[in-house]
Amino acid sequence: MVMKTLIAAFCLCSTSLFATEFGDIPASTDVSTLWVAPSRTLTIGGSAQNLSSNRTWTATTILDSIGGDWGDILYRGTSNWIVLAPGTNGNILTTHGAGASPTWATPTTVTPAALTRTNDTNVTLTLGGTPTTALLQATSLTLGWTGTLAASRGGTGVSSLGDITKTNDTNVTLTLGGTPTGSVINSTSFTLGWTGTLSVARGGSGAGTLTGVLIGNGTSAFTTVTAPSGTIVGTTDTQTLTNKRINPRVLDTNVPSSPVTPASDDYDMIVYRAIGAALTLNAPSGTPVQGQKLIIRFTDDGTARPLTWTTGSSGNYRASSDLALPTTTVLSKTLYCGFIYNSTDSRWDLLAVLNNF
């Protein structure tokens, strides 16, 4: 009974063996009833197996029938199983796709090398990982720097950023918009403006609003006068004036002290009243121009007073043979003397004398 069971198990492993030992067996035959003599010797895996002592066989015993050595690889060929002999030490098994036999191939040699780096000014790049893994596997490098990035490299050149400062000038306040960290690092614009009025010392007018013709007042704020409806008179250009009144510049001196010096640049008429002693008149001061007029009016204190004129040199008074310079006031009368400047001779020529008012 034991032998029948063994034969049944063996039949499951090799139908060709039964065909050799027992001939053709009908398909309906119960293989468990077959009997094989224990002395029968079978060839399994290329070696003789005696049924009386070898009732089990390992996969190695069965596969040894194919043959091969240590390191062989078994693969399926077109119609049978094929043994691929070991390749050269270091070879890799290479497939060529379906329908083709695998082969041994020499692998591409990769010689590991150290990673290199270049330190730029103020910047150090440190590469993480090791050469053997970072170059052969999918991995990431961790990059960073030390120090500060210079302005020439697109950085700030400083290790920390502080607040933006401002200085308020006299009457002017500059207000910077944005925040320091964003306004310095990002591309942005500053909003500038001022409050108050710009002083005269800073080149401004010192006034908030101005209407009319401006009048400068030294370091004080500008003031204005009402602008005329017509053309404003220039200083040197040729203009024709119409309907204009010119108020003479008058110096009125009561009880003058001798001598007196009329200021021709400042006044057109000079009045000496209540003259109480002899009066000497020096040549007028200033830089008169051709045709300039000067009127001098005298009144005494009730007593006729002597008048002495400076004559005889450049810039002095000059009389003519037709009209002499008066030498005294007329008691309690008003005396007028009219002069015109003669730049050709540099003299104040006497044109009129009236003394009976």
Protein backbone atom coordinates (compact mmCIF):
# COMPACT_ATOMS: atom_id res chain seq x y z
CA MET A 1 0.00 0.00 0.00
CA VAL A 2 2.89 2.32 0.76
CA MET A 3 4.45 1.59 -2.58
CA LYS A 4 1.24 2.40 -4.40
CA THR A 5 1.05 5.76 -2.71
CA LEU A 6 4.63 6.53 -3.66
CA ILE A 7 4.03 5.56 -7.23
CA ALA A 8 0.95 7.77 -7.33
CA ALA A 9 2.95 10.74 -6.08
CA PHE A 10 5.73 10.08 -8.52
CA CYS A 11 3.28 9.87 -11.36
CA LEU A 12 2.29 13.43 -10.64
CA CYS A 13 5.89 14.51 -11.13
CA SER A 14 6.90 12.69 -14.31
CA THR A 15 4.53 11.14 -16.83
CA SER A 16 7.47 10.22 -19.04
CA LEU A 17 8.78 7.94 -16.29
CA PHE A 18 5.57 5.88 -16.28
CA ALA A 19 5.58 5.63 -19.99
CA THR A 20 9.03 4.05 -19.80
CA GLU A 21 8.46 1.68 -16.90
CA PHE A 22 4.89 0.54 -17.40
CA GLY A 23 4.11 1.18 -20.99
CA ASP A 24 0.93 2.81 -22.09
CA ILE A 25 -1.61 3.06 -19.24
CA PRO A 26 -5.20 3.92 -20.00
CA ALA A 27 -6.28 7.35 -18.85
CA SER A 28 -9.07 5.84 -16.72
CA THR A 29 -6.65 3.71 -14.68
CA ASP A 30 -6.48 4.45 -10.93
CA VAL A 31 -2.75 5.02 -10.46
CA SER A 32 -3.08 4.30 -6.75
CA THR A 33 -3.61 0.59 -7.59
CA LEU A 34 -0.43 0.27 -9.60
CA TRP A 35 2.40 -1.70 -8.08
CA VAL A 36 6.13 -1.33 -8.75
CA ALA A 37 8.72 -3.73 -7.45
CA PRO A 38 10.90 -2.14 -4.68
CA SER A 39 14.01 -3.38 -6.44
CA ARG A 40 13.23 -1.24 -9.43
CA THR A 41 15.80 1.59 -9.98
CA LEU A 42 14.68 4.92 -11.44
CA THR A 43 16.88 7.72 -12.81
CA ILE A 44 15.88 11.06 -11.23
CA GLY A 45 17.89 14.21 -11.70
CA GLY A 46 20.66 12.34 -13.52
CA SER A 47 21.28 9.88 -10.63
CA ALA A 48 19.90 6.40 -9.87
CA GLN A 49 17.17 6.35 -7.23
CA ASN A 50 16.28 2.97 -5.68
CA LEU A 51 12.59 2.78 -4.80
CA SER A 52 13.23 0.65 -1.80
CA SER A 53 15.36 3.29 -0.05
CA ASN A 54 14.61 6.61 -1.80
CA ARG A 55 10.95 7.45 -1.46
CA THR A 56 11.28 11.28 -1.48
CA TRP A 57 13.26 13.60 -3.74
CA THR A 58 14.10 17.28 -3.26
CA ALA A 59 13.78 20.01 -5.89
CA THR A 60 17.57 20.02 -6.19
CA THR A 61 17.51 16.26 -6.97
CA ILE A 62 14.90 16.78 -9.69
CA LEU A 63 16.49 19.97 -11.19
CA ASP A 64 19.90 18.28 -11.34
CA SER A 65 18.53 16.36 -14.31
CA ILE A 66 18.90 19.59 -16.29
CA GLY A 67 22.52 19.87 -15.33
CA GLY A 68 24.56 22.93 -14.38
CA ASP A 69 27.16 24.33 -12.01
CA TRP A 70 27.31 26.65 -9.02
CA GLY A 71 26.07 30.08 -10.09
CA ASP A 72 24.01 28.90 -13.09
CA ILE A 73 20.69 30.61 -13.82
CA LEU A 74 17.68 28.68 -15.22
CA TYR A 75 15.42 30.46 -17.69
CA ARG A 76 12.73 29.36 -20.16
CA GLY A 77 13.73 29.21 -23.77
CA THR A 78 11.61 28.81 -26.89
CA SER A 79 10.69 25.11 -26.23
CA ASN A 80 12.62 24.08 -23.13
CA TRP A 81 14.39 25.26 -20.02
CA ILE A 82 17.94 26.57 -20.53
CA VAL A 83 20.81 26.98 -18.10
CA LEU A 84 22.75 30.28 -18.35
CA ALA A 85 26.30 29.80 -17.11
CA PRO A 86 27.76 32.35 -14.66
CA GLY A 87 29.18 35.52 -16.17
CA THR A 88 32.40 37.32 -15.31
CA ASN A 89 32.71 38.64 -11.77
CA GLY A 90 30.93 41.99 -11.59
CA ASN A 91 28.64 41.37 -14.61
CA ILE A 92 24.98 42.32 -14.40
CA LEU A 93 22.08 40.26 -15.81
CA THR A 94 20.51 42.17 -18.68
CA THR A 95 17.09 41.47 -20.15
CA HIS A 96 16.40 42.14 -23.83
CA GLY A 97 12.63 42.02 -23.57
CA ALA A 98 10.08 39.27 -24.32
CA GLY A 99 11.14 36.66 -26.93
CA ALA A 100 14.87 37.15 -26.30
CA SER A 101 17.29 35.39 -23.99
CA PRO A 102 18.91 37.29 -21.12
CA THR A 103 22.66 37.84 -21.15
CA TRP A 104 25.44 38.97 -18.91
CA ALA A 105 26.74 42.53 -19.46
CA THR A 106 29.52 44.69 -18.09
CA PRO A 107 28.02 47.54 -15.99
CA THR A 108 28.90 51.20 -16.57
CA THR A 109 31.52 52.16 -14.04
CA VAL A 110 30.86 55.31 -11.95
CA THR A 111 33.83 56.49 -9.97
CA PRO A 112 32.64 58.51 -6.96
CA ALA A 113 34.29 61.92 -6.52
CA ALA A 114 34.08 64.57 -3.88
CA LEU A 115 31.61 67.45 -4.44
CA THR A 116 33.28 70.79 -5.08
CA ARG A 117 32.18 74.30 -4.16
CA THR A 118 33.13 77.89 -4.97
CA ASN A 119 32.90 80.52 -2.25
CA ASP A 120 31.82 83.91 -3.63
CA THR A 121 32.60 87.21 -1.84
CA ASN A 122 30.73 87.21 1.49
CA VAL A 123 28.82 84.07 0.47
CA THR A 124 29.65 80.42 1.28
CA LEU A 125 27.59 77.64 -0.33
CA THR A 126 27.63 74.41 1.68
CA LEU A 127 26.51 71.22 -0.11
CA GLY A 128 24.87 68.49 2.00
CA GLY A 129 24.99 64.71 1.48
CA THR A 130 27.87 62.49 0.39
CA PRO A 131 29.20 62.03 -3.16
CA THR A 132 28.35 58.31 -3.42
CA THR A 133 24.69 58.81 -2.63
CA ALA A 134 24.03 62.34 -3.80
CA LEU A 135 25.32 61.55 -7.32
CA LEU A 136 23.84 58.06 -7.78
CA GLN A 137 20.44 58.47 -6.17
CA ALA A 138 17.58 60.93 -6.45
CA THR A 139 18.26 63.25 -3.56
CA SER A 140 18.28 66.94 -2.79
CA LEU A 141 21.10 69.27 -1.84
CA THR A 142 20.68 71.64 1.07
CA LEU A 143 22.16 75.02 0.18
CA GLY A 144 22.83 77.95 2.50
CA TRP A 145 25.29 80.76 3.07
CA THR A 146 27.12 82.45 5.86
CA GLY A 147 28.03 86.10 6.26
CA THR A 148 26.23 88.97 4.53
CA LEU A 149 25.55 89.48 0.84
CA ALA A 150 27.30 92.60 -0.47
CA ALA A 151 25.39 95.36 -2.26
CA SER A 152 27.39 94.61 -5.43
CA ARG A 153 25.92 91.08 -5.33
CA GLY A 154 22.34 92.34 -5.02
CA GLY A 155 22.24 92.25 -1.19
CA THR A 156 22.05 94.93 1.45
CA GLY A 157 25.63 94.56 2.72
CA VAL A 158 24.41 94.67 6.32
CA SER A 159 23.45 91.89 8.69
CA SER A 160 20.38 93.66 10.07
CA LEU A 161 18.05 96.46 9.01
CA GLY A 162 16.95 99.33 11.20
CA ASP A 163 14.20 101.91 10.95
CA ILE A 164 14.31 104.67 8.35
CA THR A 165 15.12 107.98 10.00
CA LYS A 166 14.03 111.46 9.05
CA THR A 167 15.14 114.99 9.89
CA ASN A 168 12.59 117.79 10.03
CA ASP A 169 14.06 121.01 8.69
CA THR A 170 12.75 124.44 9.70
CA ASN A 171 9.12 124.68 8.55
CA VAL A 172 9.54 121.51 6.45
CA THR A 173 8.59 117.96 7.46
CA LEU A 174 9.45 115.03 5.16
CA THR A 175 7.18 112.02 5.72
CA LEU A 176 8.35 108.65 4.35
CA GLY A 177 5.66 106.12 3.39
CA GLY A 178 5.83 102.33 3.68
CA THR A 179 7.60 100.23 6.28
CA PRO A 180 11.42 100.01 6.66
CA THR A 181 11.74 96.27 5.97
CA GLY A 182 9.56 96.33 2.88
CA SER A 183 10.62 99.69 1.49
CA VAL A 184 14.33 98.84 1.59
CA ILE A 185 14.21 95.25 0.31
CA ASN A 186 11.37 95.45 -2.20
CA SER A 187 10.98 97.70 -5.22
CA THR A 188 8.78 100.47 -3.88
CA SER A 189 8.46 104.24 -3.89
CA PHE A 190 8.61 106.82 -1.15
CA THR A 191 5.91 109.42 -0.77
CA LEU A 192 7.50 112.76 0.08
CA GLY A 193 5.79 115.95 1.16
CA TRP A 194 6.03 118.78 3.60
CA THR A 195 3.84 120.69 5.98
CA GLY A 196 3.93 124.36 6.89
CA THR A 197 5.61 127.04 4.77
CA LEU A 198 9.14 127.17 3.45
CA SER A 199 11.02 129.99 5.13
CA VAL A 200 12.88 132.76 3.30
CA ALA A 201 16.15 131.43 4.69
CA ARG A 202 15.42 128.09 2.91
CA GLY A 203 14.60 129.76 -0.42
CA GLY A 204 10.85 130.01 0.15
CA SER A 205 8.49 132.95 0.57
CA GLY A 206 7.68 132.33 4.24
CA ALA A 207 4.00 132.92 3.44
CA GLY A 208 1.19 130.45 2.87
CA THR A 209 -0.66 132.47 0.24
CA LEU A 210 0.36 135.54 -1.79
CA THR A 211 -1.68 137.72 -4.14
CA GLY A 212 -0.41 140.74 -6.01
CA VAL A 213 3.10 142.08 -6.48
CA LEU A 214 5.63 140.50 -4.13
CA ILE A 215 7.66 142.60 -1.77
CA GLY A 216 10.82 141.18 -0.22
CA ASN A 217 11.41 141.89 3.45
CA GLY A 218 14.90 140.56 4.09
CA THR A 219 14.72 137.38 6.16
CA SER A 220 11.04 138.00 7.00
CA ALA A 221 8.18 136.57 5.01
CA PHE A 222 7.19 138.14 1.70
CA THR A 223 4.31 140.58 1.57
CA THR A 224 2.36 141.92 -1.40
CA VAL A 225 0.75 145.05 -2.78
CA THR A 226 -2.14 145.15 -5.19
CA ALA A 227 -0.91 144.65 -8.71
CA PRO A 228 -1.70 147.48 -11.18
CA SER A 229 -4.10 146.85 -14.01
CA GLY A 230 -1.60 148.16 -16.54
CA THR A 231 1.96 147.30 -17.42
CA ILE A 232 4.38 147.10 -14.51
CA VAL A 233 7.24 149.59 -14.85
CA GLY A 234 10.64 148.03 -15.47
CA THR A 235 14.00 149.27 -14.24
CA THR A 236 15.95 149.74 -17.47
CA ASP A 237 13.58 149.07 -20.37
CA THR A 238 12.11 151.97 -22.36
CA GLN A 239 8.45 152.55 -21.52
CA THR A 240 5.89 155.33 -21.99
CA LEU A 241 4.00 156.13 -18.82
CA THR A 242 0.49 157.55 -18.98
CA ASN A 243 -1.64 158.91 -16.14
CA LYS A 244 1.06 158.38 -13.55
CA ARG A 245 1.67 160.56 -10.53
CA ILE A 246 5.20 160.85 -9.15
CA ASN A 247 5.38 162.08 -5.58
CA PRO A 248 8.59 164.00 -4.96
CA ARG A 249 10.92 162.81 -2.27
CA VAL A 250 11.11 165.58 0.35
CA LEU A 251 13.36 166.10 3.38
CA ASP A 252 11.93 168.63 5.87
CA THR A 253 14.48 169.81 8.45
CA ASN A 254 13.48 172.20 11.26
CA VAL A 255 16.26 174.39 12.74
CA PRO A 256 19.06 172.87 10.70
CA SER A 257 22.62 172.79 12.04
CA SER A 258 25.31 174.23 9.83
CA PRO A 259 26.76 172.94 7.61
CA VAL A 260 24.17 170.90 5.68
CA THR A 261 24.75 168.43 2.85
CA PRO A 262 21.73 167.76 0.63
CA ALA A 263 21.44 164.05 -0.35
CA SER A 264 20.67 164.16 -4.08
CA ASP A 265 20.23 160.39 -4.39
CA ASP A 266 17.48 160.33 -1.76
CA TYR A 267 15.54 163.54 -2.20
CA ASP A 268 14.12 165.79 -4.92
CA MET A 269 13.31 168.68 -2.54
CA ILE A 270 14.91 169.74 0.74
CA VAL A 271 13.29 172.16 3.22
CA TYR A 272 15.26 174.04 5.85
CA ARG A 273 12.86 175.78 8.28
CA ALA A 274 13.39 178.19 11.19
CA ILE A 275 17.01 178.77 10.35
CA GLY A 276 18.47 180.36 13.47
CA ALA A 277 22.05 181.06 12.39
CA ALA A 278 24.28 181.41 9.35
CA LEU A 279 23.96 178.32 7.16
CA THR A 280 26.66 176.76 4.97
CA LEU A 281 25.55 174.40 2.17
CA ASN A 282 28.02 171.71 1.14
CA ALA A 283 27.94 170.21 -2.33
CA PRO A 284 25.09 167.65 -2.63
CA SER A 285 26.11 164.04 -1.98
CA GLY A 286 25.37 161.05 -4.21
CA THR A 287 25.80 160.24 -7.87
CA PRO A 288 23.44 162.55 -9.75
CA VAL A 289 22.59 162.04 -13.42
CA GLN A 290 22.28 164.43 -16.32
CA GLY A 291 19.20 166.68 -15.98
CA GLN A 292 18.40 165.69 -12.38
CA LYS A 293 16.48 168.44 -10.48
CA LEU A 294 16.94 169.62 -6.93
CA ILE A 295 14.87 172.33 -5.14
CA ILE A 296 15.98 173.84 -1.83
CA ARG A 297 13.53 175.93 0.21
CA PHE A 298 14.58 178.23 3.08
CA THR A 299 12.74 180.11 5.87
CA ASP A 300 14.43 181.87 8.78
CA ASP A 301 13.33 182.29 12.38
CA GLY A 302 12.32 185.92 11.90
CA THR A 303 15.86 187.15 11.40
CA ALA A 304 17.62 187.18 8.05
CA ARG A 305 20.37 184.57 8.07
CA PRO A 306 23.52 184.46 5.87
CA LEU A 307 23.80 181.64 3.27
CA THR A 308 27.17 180.33 2.10
CA TRP A 309 27.36 177.98 -0.95
CA THR A 310 30.21 175.62 -1.77
CA THR A 311 31.35 176.51 -5.27
CA GLY A 312 34.33 176.41 -7.55
CA SER A 313 34.99 172.64 -7.95
CA SER A 314 33.42 169.45 -9.32
CA GLY A 315 30.01 168.62 -7.84
CA ASN A 316 29.44 172.06 -6.31
CA TYR A 317 26.82 174.71 -6.94
CA ARG A 318 27.33 177.09 -9.86
CA ALA A 319 25.66 180.45 -10.58
CA SER A 320 25.67 182.32 -13.86
CA SER A 321 26.14 185.93 -14.92
CA ASP A 322 22.36 186.15 -15.26
CA LEU A 323 21.53 184.72 -11.85
CA ALA A 324 23.56 184.80 -8.63
CA LEU A 325 23.33 182.47 -5.66
CA PRO A 326 21.46 184.22 -2.80
CA THR A 327 23.70 185.15 0.15
CA THR A 328 20.98 185.65 2.78
CA THR A 329 17.43 184.78 3.58
CA VAL A 330 14.77 187.51 3.32
CA LEU A 331 13.27 188.30 6.68
CA SER A 332 10.18 186.14 7.27
CA LYS A 333 9.99 185.26 3.56
CA THR A 334 10.17 181.89 1.80
CA LEU A 335 13.19 181.52 -0.49
CA TYR A 336 13.30 178.95 -3.35
CA CYS A 337 16.44 177.93 -5.24
CA GLY A 338 16.09 175.60 -8.22
CA PHE A 339 19.07 173.58 -9.56
CA ILE A 340 19.66 171.16 -12.44
CA TYR A 341 22.62 168.81 -12.67
CA ASN A 342 25.03 169.30 -15.56
CA SER A 343 26.95 166.04 -15.91
CA THR A 344 29.12 167.54 -18.69
CA ASP A 345 30.63 170.02 -16.23
CA SER A 346 29.80 168.04 -13.05
CA ARG A 347 28.01 171.03 -11.54
CA TRP A 348 24.63 171.86 -9.97
CA ASP A 349 23.59 174.87 -12.09
CA LEU A 350 21.23 177.45 -10.55
CA LEU A 351 18.12 177.95 -12.72
CA ALA A 352 15.74 179.96 -10.52
CA VAL A 353 15.58 182.06 -7.34
CA LEU A 354 12.26 183.17 -5.81
CA ASN A 355 12.26 185.00 -2.47
CA ASN A 356 9.08 186.95 -2.16
CA PHE A 357 6.56 184.43 -0.74
